[in-house]
Each structure stands twice: as C-alpha cells, then as structure tokens.
Amino acid sequence: MKFISLFSKTPNHKRFSYRPRYWDQAAEERKEREERIQRELEREQGLTPEGTVDYRARISGSFHSARRRSNKSSGELNLVLLRSGVTLFLVLFIMAFLTWGTDSLYALLIFVPVYFYFRFKK
C-alpha cells in the first residue's frame, strides 16, 4: 500500500489535445496545376532558363495520373469471385451436413474427385 506523500506531486490525468486537420485534395491539385502552368509560362517567356526542369513535380504528376488511370485488375476480381464461391460452398455444405448428416459428407467425398477429374482432363 502506498502512503500519500505531502512533499511530492500527485500525478494528474494526461491531457489530450486534438486539432483536426482539413485537407482539400481538389484545392491542392488546383494549386499545383497553377504553379506548374506559371513555371511553363515563365519558361516560354524566357524568364527562367530551359535547363532548370522540376523533375520532382514531373515524377509525382506521373504517379498521380497513373493512379487515376489504374482500376481494379481482372485478377483481383477473379480472386474475389473465387473466395465468394468457396465461402458459399462451405456454407451450403454445413447446412447440408446439419440437415442430412453423414450422407452429405459421403456425397462430397464422391463429388470432389469427379470434379477434379473432369476439370483437369484434357
């Protein structure tokens, strides 16, 4: 048991200060686009030499445009369909097992090898 000391500080609760941040993606993209256009106009007017190229902006712009162009690949869609099919099969098998008992298990043991035989037969 701890005795309260008169000469030491008692611990206080920890304070938590949360300042929410606001991020406007459209405004940020608009600002970057305006800056890029301003730099291009300065380059065209001859205010800045041709040799100074902002590689960082070009690279980040390439990544942004690639992200917008990319969509879900068909491989991911096939994987989702396969997972859904397996889950549906397992749920139906459990329901059949609870309804008909071991007969459904025997039917499964016959069905699986026949399925794989026809699946891989060429």
Protein backbone atom coordinates (compact mmCIF):
# COMPACT_ATOMS: atom_id res chain seq x y z
CA MET A 1 0.00 0.00 0.00
CA LYS A 2 1.33 3.40 -0.93
CA PHE A 3 1.29 6.28 1.52
CA ILE A 4 0.42 9.70 0.17
CA SER A 5 3.40 11.98 0.47
CA LEU A 6 2.95 15.65 1.27
CA PHE A 7 6.17 16.67 -0.47
CA SER A 8 5.77 15.02 -3.85
CA LYS A 9 3.49 15.82 -6.72
CA THR A 10 0.45 13.69 -7.24
CA PRO A 11 0.04 12.53 -10.81
CA ASN A 12 -2.57 14.30 -12.88
CA HIS A 13 -4.53 12.85 -15.74
CA LYS A 14 -2.91 13.19 -19.12
CA ARG A 15 -4.40 15.85 -21.31
CA PHE A 16 -5.17 15.12 -24.91
CA SER A 17 -5.46 17.90 -27.41
CA TYR A 18 -6.67 17.02 -30.86
CA ARG A 19 -6.70 19.55 -33.62
CA PRO A 20 -8.50 18.15 -36.64
CA ARG A 21 -6.78 18.78 -39.94
CA TYR A 22 -8.66 19.72 -43.06
CA TRP A 23 -7.29 18.60 -46.39
CA ASP A 24 -8.85 19.67 -49.63
CA GLN A 25 -7.46 17.46 -52.37
CA ALA A 26 -9.06 19.43 -55.19
CA ALA A 27 -7.62 22.71 -53.91
CA GLU A 28 -4.16 21.18 -53.57
CA GLU A 29 -4.25 19.74 -57.09
CA ARG A 30 -5.50 23.08 -58.44
CA LYS A 31 -2.66 24.92 -56.68
CA GLU A 32 -0.04 22.50 -58.06
CA ARG A 33 -1.51 22.84 -61.55
CA GLU A 34 -1.44 26.65 -61.33
CA GLU A 35 2.19 26.62 -60.16
CA ARG A 36 3.18 24.26 -62.98
CA ILE A 37 1.42 26.42 -65.58
CA GLN A 38 3.06 29.54 -64.13
CA ARG A 39 6.50 27.90 -64.42
CA GLU A 40 5.76 26.87 -68.02
CA LEU A 41 4.69 30.41 -68.90
CA GLU A 42 7.88 31.80 -67.34
CA ARG A 43 9.92 29.29 -69.32
CA GLU A 44 8.14 30.26 -72.55
CA GLN A 45 8.70 33.97 -71.90
CA GLY A 46 12.39 33.33 -71.24
CA LEU A 47 12.36 34.42 -67.60
CA THR A 48 13.86 31.12 -66.47
CA PRO A 49 16.48 29.13 -68.39
CA GLU A 50 15.46 25.92 -70.20
CA GLY A 51 17.91 23.78 -68.24
CA THR A 52 16.04 24.09 -64.96
CA VAL A 53 13.50 21.29 -65.01
CA ASP A 54 11.45 20.36 -61.99
CA TYR A 55 11.90 16.60 -62.02
CA ARG A 56 10.15 16.07 -58.70
CA ALA A 57 6.90 17.62 -59.95
CA ARG A 58 7.01 15.58 -63.15
CA ILE A 59 7.56 12.32 -61.28
CA SER A 60 4.81 12.99 -58.72
CA GLY A 61 2.48 14.04 -61.53
CA SER A 62 3.19 10.76 -63.31
CA PHE A 63 2.32 8.78 -60.20
CA HIS A 64 -0.92 10.73 -59.72
CA SER A 65 -2.01 10.23 -63.31
CA ALA A 66 -1.14 6.52 -63.20
CA ARG A 67 -3.20 6.11 -60.03
CA ARG A 68 -6.19 7.75 -61.70
CA ARG A 69 -5.86 5.58 -64.80
CA SER A 70 -5.49 2.30 -62.97
CA ASN A 71 -8.56 0.37 -61.99
CA LYS A 72 -9.17 -2.99 -60.42
CA SER A 73 -7.48 -5.63 -62.46
CA SER A 74 -9.35 -8.69 -63.58
CA GLY A 75 -7.07 -10.84 -61.40
CA GLU A 76 -8.39 -9.20 -58.25
CA LEU A 77 -11.95 -9.63 -59.46
CA ASN A 78 -11.35 -13.33 -60.15
CA LEU A 79 -9.89 -13.74 -56.67
CA VAL A 80 -12.95 -12.10 -55.10
CA LEU A 81 -15.25 -14.38 -57.09
CA LEU A 82 -13.23 -17.45 -56.07
CA ARG A 83 -13.37 -16.50 -52.39
CA SER A 84 -17.10 -15.88 -52.61
CA GLY A 85 -17.62 -19.22 -54.31
CA VAL A 86 -15.63 -21.12 -51.70
CA THR A 87 -17.46 -19.38 -48.88
CA LEU A 88 -20.84 -20.12 -50.47
CA PHE A 89 -19.85 -23.77 -50.98
CA LEU A 90 -18.75 -24.15 -47.35
CA VAL A 91 -21.96 -22.57 -46.04
CA LEU A 92 -24.10 -24.82 -48.23
CA PHE A 93 -22.09 -27.89 -47.19
CA ILE A 94 -22.50 -27.08 -43.49
CA MET A 95 -26.24 -26.59 -43.98
CA ALA A 96 -26.47 -29.92 -45.86
CA PHE A 97 -24.43 -31.68 -43.18
CA LEU A 98 -26.69 -30.34 -40.45
CA THR A 99 -29.78 -31.35 -42.42
CA TRP A 100 -28.86 -34.79 -43.83
CA GLY A 101 -25.87 -35.77 -41.69
CA THR A 102 -23.10 -38.01 -42.97
CA ASP A 103 -24.83 -38.64 -46.30
CA SER A 104 -23.78 -35.16 -47.42
CA LEU A 105 -20.19 -35.92 -46.34
CA TYR A 106 -20.15 -39.08 -48.48
CA ALA A 107 -21.62 -37.17 -51.41
CA LEU A 108 -18.85 -34.59 -51.03
CA LEU A 109 -16.20 -37.32 -50.98
CA ILE A 110 -17.58 -38.63 -54.27
CA PHE A 111 -18.13 -35.22 -55.86
CA VAL A 112 -14.66 -33.74 -55.26
CA PRO A 113 -12.60 -36.39 -57.13
CA VAL A 114 -15.12 -36.47 -60.01
CA TYR A 115 -14.98 -32.67 -60.24
CA PHE A 116 -11.18 -32.62 -60.34
CA TYR A 117 -11.12 -35.45 -62.89
CA PHE A 118 -13.33 -33.53 -65.32
CA ARG A 119 -11.65 -30.24 -64.51
CA PHE A 120 -8.11 -31.37 -65.36
CA LYS A 121 -8.93 -33.93 -68.05
CA LYS A 122 -7.60 -32.82 -71.43
